[in-house]
Amino acid sequence: MGVSRYVAKEIMKEIGNRSREFYEFVLPPVDIYEDGTELVIIVDLPGFQKKDIHVNISKDILTLRAKRVIEMEAHTIHFGQRPSKIEKKIPLPYSIPEDDNSKSKADYANGVLKIRIPISNMTNVPIT
C-alpha cells in the first residue's frame, strides 16, 4: 500500500523546512585565502540583495548577516528550501587590527560576496 498524497506532501514540506534551516545556519559556502597583502573571503549568497547584506569584522571574527523576503507566503507551499536569512560567524586566520579593518572592502556581484581585508601588519619570520 502506497503513501497517501497528503502524507507525501507533508513529508516533502518538512524536508524543505529542515533543508532551509540547514542552509540558514550551516551554509553559505565560504572560501578564505591570502592574496599578497590581503585576506580574501568569498561567500556565495545567491538571491540576496546587496542592501540586505551586512558584514562586521571584530578581531578574528567576521560576522555575516543577510535577510530577504521570499514571496511565497500567500500561496500553498509544496516545497521550499531557499533560506530567507543567513547569520554566520566566520573565524579568520588572523586578528584584524581596527586600522586594517577600516580599510576593508567588499563587492557583491552575481550572488557572490567578495571581501578584501588588508593584512599589512603581517611579516615573514626568517627561519635560521
N, C-alpha and C. Protein backbone atom coordinates (compact mmCIF):
# COMPACT_ATOMS: atom_id res chain seq x y z
N MET A 1 0.84 -1.17 0.00
CA MET A 1 0.00 0.00 0.00
C MET A 1 0.89 1.24 0.00
N GLY A 2 0.62 2.18 -0.88
CA GLY A 2 1.45 3.37 -1.02
C GLY A 2 1.11 4.45 0.00
N VAL A 3 1.98 5.41 0.09
CA VAL A 3 1.78 6.55 0.98
C VAL A 3 0.79 7.50 0.31
N SER A 4 -0.15 8.00 1.09
CA SER A 4 -1.14 8.91 0.51
C SER A 4 -0.46 10.19 0.03
N ARG A 5 -1.10 10.85 -0.90
CA ARG A 5 -0.56 12.10 -1.44
C ARG A 5 -0.42 13.13 -0.34
N TYR A 6 -1.37 13.17 0.59
CA TYR A 6 -1.31 14.14 1.69
C TYR A 6 -0.07 13.89 2.56
N VAL A 7 0.18 12.64 2.92
CA VAL A 7 1.33 12.31 3.76
C VAL A 7 2.62 12.62 3.00
N ALA A 8 2.69 12.27 1.74
CA ALA A 8 3.88 12.55 0.93
C ALA A 8 4.13 14.06 0.86
N LYS A 9 3.06 14.82 0.68
CA LYS A 9 3.18 16.28 0.61
C LYS A 9 3.70 16.84 1.93
N GLU A 10 3.19 16.34 3.05
CA GLU A 10 3.64 16.80 4.37
C GLU A 10 5.10 16.42 4.62
N ILE A 11 5.49 15.24 4.18
CA ILE A 11 6.88 14.81 4.33
C ILE A 11 7.80 15.73 3.52
N MET A 12 7.43 16.02 2.28
CA MET A 12 8.24 16.91 1.44
C MET A 12 8.32 18.30 2.04
N LYS A 13 7.23 18.78 2.60
CA LYS A 13 7.22 20.10 3.23
C LYS A 13 8.17 20.12 4.43
N GLU A 14 8.16 19.08 5.23
CA GLU A 14 9.05 19.00 6.39
C GLU A 14 10.52 18.89 5.95
N ILE A 15 10.79 18.14 4.91
CA ILE A 15 12.15 18.06 4.37
C ILE A 15 12.61 19.44 3.91
N GLY A 16 11.73 20.17 3.24
CA GLY A 16 12.05 21.53 2.81
C GLY A 16 12.36 22.43 3.98
N ASN A 17 11.54 22.34 5.05
CA ASN A 17 11.79 23.17 6.24
C ASN A 17 13.14 22.84 6.86
N ARG A 18 13.45 21.57 7.00
CA ARG A 18 14.73 21.16 7.59
C ARG A 18 15.91 21.58 6.71
N SER A 19 15.75 21.46 5.40
CA SER A 19 16.81 21.87 4.48
C SER A 19 17.06 23.36 4.59
N ARG A 20 15.99 24.14 4.65
CA ARG A 20 16.12 25.59 4.77
C ARG A 20 16.85 25.95 6.06
N GLU A 21 16.50 25.29 7.16
CA GLU A 21 17.19 25.53 8.44
C GLU A 21 18.68 25.21 8.31
N PHE A 22 19.00 24.12 7.62
CA PHE A 22 20.39 23.76 7.40
C PHE A 22 21.11 24.86 6.63
N TYR A 23 20.52 25.32 5.53
CA TYR A 23 21.14 26.36 4.72
C TYR A 23 21.31 27.65 5.51
N GLU A 24 20.33 28.00 6.34
CA GLU A 24 20.40 29.25 7.08
C GLU A 24 21.51 29.24 8.13
N PHE A 25 21.78 28.09 8.74
CA PHE A 25 22.71 28.07 9.86
C PHE A 25 24.05 27.42 9.57
N VAL A 26 24.15 26.61 8.52
CA VAL A 26 25.41 25.97 8.20
C VAL A 26 26.06 26.62 6.98
N LEU A 27 25.28 26.83 5.97
CA LEU A 27 25.80 27.46 4.76
C LEU A 27 25.74 28.97 4.94
N PRO A 28 26.22 29.78 4.16
CA PRO A 28 26.65 29.60 2.78
C PRO A 28 28.11 29.14 2.70
N PRO A 29 28.50 28.62 1.54
CA PRO A 29 29.88 28.21 1.37
C PRO A 29 30.81 29.42 1.42
N VAL A 30 31.96 29.23 2.04
CA VAL A 30 32.93 30.31 2.24
C VAL A 30 34.31 29.82 1.83
N ASP A 31 35.05 30.64 1.08
CA ASP A 31 36.45 30.40 0.77
C ASP A 31 37.26 31.54 1.37
N ILE A 32 38.39 31.23 1.98
CA ILE A 32 39.28 32.25 2.54
C ILE A 32 40.69 31.94 2.05
N TYR A 33 41.34 32.97 1.48
CA TYR A 33 42.73 32.78 1.04
C TYR A 33 43.47 34.10 1.13
N GLU A 34 44.80 34.02 1.10
CA GLU A 34 45.64 35.21 1.10
C GLU A 34 46.03 35.55 -0.33
N ASP A 35 45.98 36.84 -0.63
CA ASP A 35 46.37 37.33 -1.95
C ASP A 35 47.37 38.47 -1.73
N GLY A 36 48.63 38.15 -1.59
CA GLY A 36 49.62 39.17 -1.31
C GLY A 36 49.46 39.73 0.09
N THR A 37 49.02 40.97 0.18
CA THR A 37 48.86 41.62 1.49
C THR A 37 47.40 41.71 1.90
N GLU A 38 46.55 40.89 1.31
CA GLU A 38 45.12 40.91 1.65
C GLU A 38 44.63 39.51 2.00
N LEU A 39 43.67 39.50 2.90
CA LEU A 39 42.92 38.28 3.18
C LEU A 39 41.64 38.41 2.37
N VAL A 40 41.32 37.42 1.55
CA VAL A 40 40.15 37.47 0.67
C VAL A 40 39.16 36.42 1.14
N ILE A 41 37.92 36.87 1.35
CA ILE A 41 36.84 35.98 1.75
C ILE A 41 35.78 36.02 0.66
N ILE A 42 35.42 34.85 0.15
CA ILE A 42 34.39 34.77 -0.89
C ILE A 42 33.23 33.96 -0.32
N VAL A 43 32.02 34.54 -0.42
CA VAL A 43 30.82 33.91 0.15
C VAL A 43 29.75 33.87 -0.93
N ASP A 44 29.16 32.71 -1.15
CA ASP A 44 28.06 32.58 -2.10
C ASP A 44 26.75 32.94 -1.41
N LEU A 45 26.09 33.98 -1.93
CA LEU A 45 24.80 34.44 -1.38
C LEU A 45 23.81 34.70 -2.52
N PRO A 46 23.51 33.70 -3.34
CA PRO A 46 22.60 33.95 -4.46
C PRO A 46 21.20 34.32 -3.98
N GLY A 47 20.61 35.26 -4.69
CA GLY A 47 19.22 35.65 -4.41
C GLY A 47 19.06 36.76 -3.39
N PHE A 48 20.14 37.16 -2.72
CA PHE A 48 20.05 38.25 -1.76
C PHE A 48 20.37 39.57 -2.46
N GLN A 49 19.80 40.66 -1.96
CA GLN A 49 20.09 41.99 -2.48
C GLN A 49 21.25 42.59 -1.70
N LYS A 50 22.07 43.38 -2.38
CA LYS A 50 23.22 44.00 -1.74
C LYS A 50 22.82 44.78 -0.48
N LYS A 51 21.70 45.48 -0.54
CA LYS A 51 21.25 46.31 0.59
C LYS A 51 20.86 45.49 1.81
N ASP A 52 20.63 44.20 1.63
CA ASP A 52 20.20 43.33 2.73
C ASP A 52 21.33 42.49 3.32
N ILE A 53 22.58 42.75 2.89
CA ILE A 53 23.74 42.01 3.38
C ILE A 53 24.55 42.93 4.28
N HIS A 54 24.90 42.43 5.47
CA HIS A 54 25.67 43.22 6.44
C HIS A 54 26.87 42.41 6.91
N VAL A 55 28.04 43.05 6.90
CA VAL A 55 29.29 42.41 7.28
C VAL A 55 29.94 43.22 8.39
N ASN A 56 30.44 42.52 9.41
CA ASN A 56 31.13 43.17 10.51
C ASN A 56 32.38 42.35 10.84
N ILE A 57 33.49 43.05 11.10
CA ILE A 57 34.72 42.37 11.49
C ILE A 57 35.10 42.85 12.88
N SER A 58 35.32 41.90 13.77
CA SER A 58 35.76 42.20 15.12
C SER A 58 36.90 41.24 15.46
N LYS A 59 38.11 41.77 15.46
CA LYS A 59 39.33 41.00 15.73
C LYS A 59 39.46 39.83 14.75
N ASP A 60 39.20 38.60 15.19
CA ASP A 60 39.38 37.46 14.29
C ASP A 60 38.06 36.78 13.92
N ILE A 61 36.96 37.54 14.01
CA ILE A 61 35.64 37.01 13.65
C ILE A 61 34.98 37.93 12.62
N LEU A 62 34.55 37.35 11.51
CA LEU A 62 33.76 38.08 10.52
C LEU A 62 32.32 37.61 10.71
N THR A 63 31.43 38.56 10.95
CA THR A 63 30.01 38.22 11.11
C THR A 63 29.27 38.65 9.85
N LEU A 64 28.52 37.71 9.31
CA LEU A 64 27.77 37.93 8.08
C LEU A 64 26.29 37.75 8.38
N ARG A 65 25.49 38.75 8.00
CA ARG A 65 24.04 38.67 8.15
C ARG A 65 23.40 39.07 6.83
N ALA A 66 22.42 38.29 6.42
CA ALA A 66 21.68 38.61 5.20
C ALA A 66 20.23 38.16 5.42
N LYS A 67 19.31 38.96 4.90
CA LYS A 67 17.89 38.66 5.08
C LYS A 67 17.15 39.04 3.81
N ARG A 68 16.15 38.24 3.47
CA ARG A 68 15.33 38.55 2.30
C ARG A 68 13.91 38.06 2.53
N VAL A 69 13.01 38.63 1.79
CA VAL A 69 11.61 38.21 1.83
C VAL A 69 11.37 37.33 0.62
N ILE A 70 10.90 36.13 0.88
CA ILE A 70 10.57 35.22 -0.22
C ILE A 70 9.06 35.27 -0.41
N GLU A 71 8.63 35.68 -1.57
CA GLU A 71 7.22 35.93 -1.86
C GLU A 71 6.44 34.66 -2.15
N MET A 72 6.34 33.75 -1.19
CA MET A 72 5.55 32.55 -1.39
C MET A 72 4.49 32.39 -0.30
N GLU A 73 4.53 33.25 0.73
CA GLU A 73 3.68 33.07 1.89
C GLU A 73 2.18 33.05 1.57
N ALA A 74 1.75 33.77 0.56
CA ALA A 74 0.34 33.84 0.22
C ALA A 74 -0.13 32.61 -0.58
N HIS A 75 0.79 31.76 -0.95
CA HIS A 75 0.46 30.60 -1.77
C HIS A 75 0.61 29.31 -0.96
N THR A 76 0.06 28.26 -1.49
CA THR A 76 0.27 26.94 -0.89
C THR A 76 1.69 26.50 -1.23
N ILE A 77 2.50 26.29 -0.21
CA ILE A 77 3.90 25.91 -0.42
C ILE A 77 4.00 24.39 -0.42
N HIS A 78 4.48 23.85 -1.51
CA HIS A 78 4.66 22.40 -1.63
C HIS A 78 6.07 21.99 -1.21
N PHE A 79 7.04 22.85 -1.49
CA PHE A 79 8.42 22.54 -1.18
C PHE A 79 9.18 23.84 -1.17
N GLY A 80 9.94 24.13 -0.13
CA GLY A 80 10.70 25.38 -0.06
C GLY A 80 11.99 25.19 0.69
N GLN A 81 13.11 25.34 0.00
CA GLN A 81 14.41 25.17 0.63
C GLN A 81 15.24 26.44 0.68
N ARG A 82 14.89 27.45 -0.11
CA ARG A 82 15.73 28.64 -0.17
C ARG A 82 15.72 29.36 1.18
N PRO A 83 16.90 29.70 1.70
CA PRO A 83 16.96 30.37 3.00
C PRO A 83 16.47 31.81 2.91
N SER A 84 15.77 32.26 3.94
CA SER A 84 15.32 33.65 3.98
C SER A 84 16.26 34.50 4.81
N LYS A 85 17.13 33.86 5.58
CA LYS A 85 18.11 34.61 6.36
C LYS A 85 19.39 33.79 6.50
N ILE A 86 20.48 34.51 6.63
CA ILE A 86 21.78 33.90 6.88
C ILE A 86 22.39 34.67 8.05
N GLU A 87 22.89 33.97 9.01
CA GLU A 87 23.66 34.60 10.09
C GLU A 87 24.80 33.66 10.42
N LYS A 88 26.00 34.10 10.08
CA LYS A 88 27.15 33.22 10.24
C LYS A 88 28.33 33.98 10.80
N LYS A 89 29.01 33.37 11.75
CA LYS A 89 30.25 33.90 12.29
C LYS A 89 31.38 33.06 11.70
N ILE A 90 32.31 33.73 11.03
CA ILE A 90 33.38 33.06 10.33
C ILE A 90 34.70 33.38 11.04
N PRO A 91 35.38 32.37 11.59
CA PRO A 91 36.67 32.64 12.22
C PRO A 91 37.72 32.96 11.15
N LEU A 92 38.46 34.02 11.38
CA LEU A 92 39.52 34.42 10.45
C LEU A 92 40.86 33.88 10.95
N PRO A 93 41.81 33.66 10.04
CA PRO A 93 43.09 33.11 10.48
C PRO A 93 43.96 34.11 11.23
N TYR A 94 43.59 35.40 11.21
CA TYR A 94 44.35 36.43 11.90
C TYR A 94 43.40 37.34 12.67
N SER A 95 43.92 37.96 13.70
CA SER A 95 43.18 39.03 14.36
C SER A 95 43.43 40.29 13.54
N ILE A 96 42.36 40.95 13.13
CA ILE A 96 42.46 42.10 12.24
C ILE A 96 42.48 43.38 13.08
N PRO A 97 43.58 44.15 13.03
CA PRO A 97 43.62 45.43 13.76
C PRO A 97 42.56 46.38 13.23
N GLU A 98 42.05 47.25 14.10
CA GLU A 98 40.99 48.17 13.68
C GLU A 98 41.41 49.07 12.53
N ASP A 99 42.67 49.47 12.46
CA ASP A 99 43.09 50.34 11.36
C ASP A 99 43.04 49.59 10.02
N ASP A 100 43.35 48.28 10.02
CA ASP A 100 43.20 47.49 8.80
C ASP A 100 41.73 47.22 8.50
N ASN A 101 40.95 47.01 9.54
CA ASN A 101 39.51 46.77 9.40
C ASN A 101 38.84 47.91 8.65
N SER A 102 39.21 49.13 8.97
CA SER A 102 38.57 50.29 8.33
C SER A 102 38.96 50.40 6.85
N LYS A 103 40.02 49.71 6.43
CA LYS A 103 40.44 49.74 5.02
C LYS A 103 39.86 48.58 4.22
N SER A 104 39.08 47.73 4.86
CA SER A 104 38.49 46.57 4.19
C SER A 104 37.47 47.01 3.15
N LYS A 105 37.32 46.19 2.11
CA LYS A 105 36.39 46.47 1.03
C LYS A 105 35.57 45.23 0.73
N ALA A 106 34.35 45.44 0.24
CA ALA A 106 33.51 44.32 -0.17
C ALA A 106 32.78 44.66 -1.46
N ASP A 107 32.66 43.66 -2.32
CA ASP A 107 31.90 43.78 -3.57
C ASP A 107 30.90 42.64 -3.62
N TYR A 108 29.74 42.92 -4.21
CA TYR A 108 28.72 41.89 -4.37
C TYR A 108 28.24 41.91 -5.81
N ALA A 109 28.44 40.81 -6.52
CA ALA A 109 28.01 40.72 -7.91
C ALA A 109 27.66 39.27 -8.22
N ASN A 110 26.57 39.09 -8.95
CA ASN A 110 26.13 37.77 -9.40
C ASN A 110 26.00 36.77 -8.26
N GLY A 111 25.54 37.24 -7.09
CA GLY A 111 25.30 36.35 -5.97
C GLY A 111 26.54 35.97 -5.17
N VAL A 112 27.68 36.62 -5.47
CA VAL A 112 28.93 36.31 -4.78
C VAL A 112 29.44 37.55 -4.06
N LEU A 113 29.66 37.43 -2.76
CA LEU A 113 30.22 38.50 -1.95
C LEU A 113 31.72 38.26 -1.83
N LYS A 114 32.52 39.27 -2.18
CA LYS A 114 33.98 39.17 -2.06
C LYS A 114 34.44 40.28 -1.12
N ILE A 115 35.07 39.88 -0.02
CA ILE A 115 35.57 40.82 0.99
C ILE A 115 37.09 40.77 0.95
N ARG A 116 37.70 41.95 0.93
CA ARG A 116 39.17 42.06 0.93
C ARG A 116 39.59 42.82 2.19
N ILE A 117 40.41 42.18 3.01
CA ILE A 117 40.87 42.77 4.25
C ILE A 117 42.39 42.89 4.19
N PRO A 118 42.94 44.10 4.32
CA PRO A 118 44.41 44.22 4.31
C PRO A 118 45.02 43.52 5.51
N ILE A 119 46.13 42.88 5.27
CA ILE A 119 46.88 42.26 6.37
C ILE A 119 48.31 42.80 6.34
N SER A 120 48.42 44.11 6.22
CA SER A 120 49.72 44.76 6.05
C SER A 120 50.63 44.59 7.26
N ASN A 121 50.09 44.33 8.43
CA ASN A 121 50.91 44.20 9.62
C ASN A 121 51.56 42.82 9.74
N MET A 122 51.25 41.93 8.80
CA MET A 122 51.82 40.59 8.86
C MET A 122 53.24 40.66 8.31
N THR A 123 54.18 40.00 8.96
CA THR A 123 55.55 39.97 8.48
C THR A 123 56.03 38.54 8.42
N ASN A 124 56.94 38.28 7.54
CA ASN A 124 57.55 36.96 7.44
C ASN A 124 58.63 36.84 8.50
N VAL A 125 58.71 35.70 9.10
CA VAL A 125 59.72 35.42 10.12
C VAL A 125 60.76 34.50 9.45
N PRO A 126 62.02 34.96 9.39
CA PRO A 126 63.03 34.10 8.77
C PRO A 126 63.33 32.89 9.65
N ILE A 127 63.56 31.78 9.00
CA ILE A 127 63.90 30.55 9.71
C ILE A 127 65.40 30.33 9.52
N THR A 128 66.12 30.21 10.62
CA THR A 128 67.57 30.03 10.52
C THR A 128 67.98 28.63 10.89
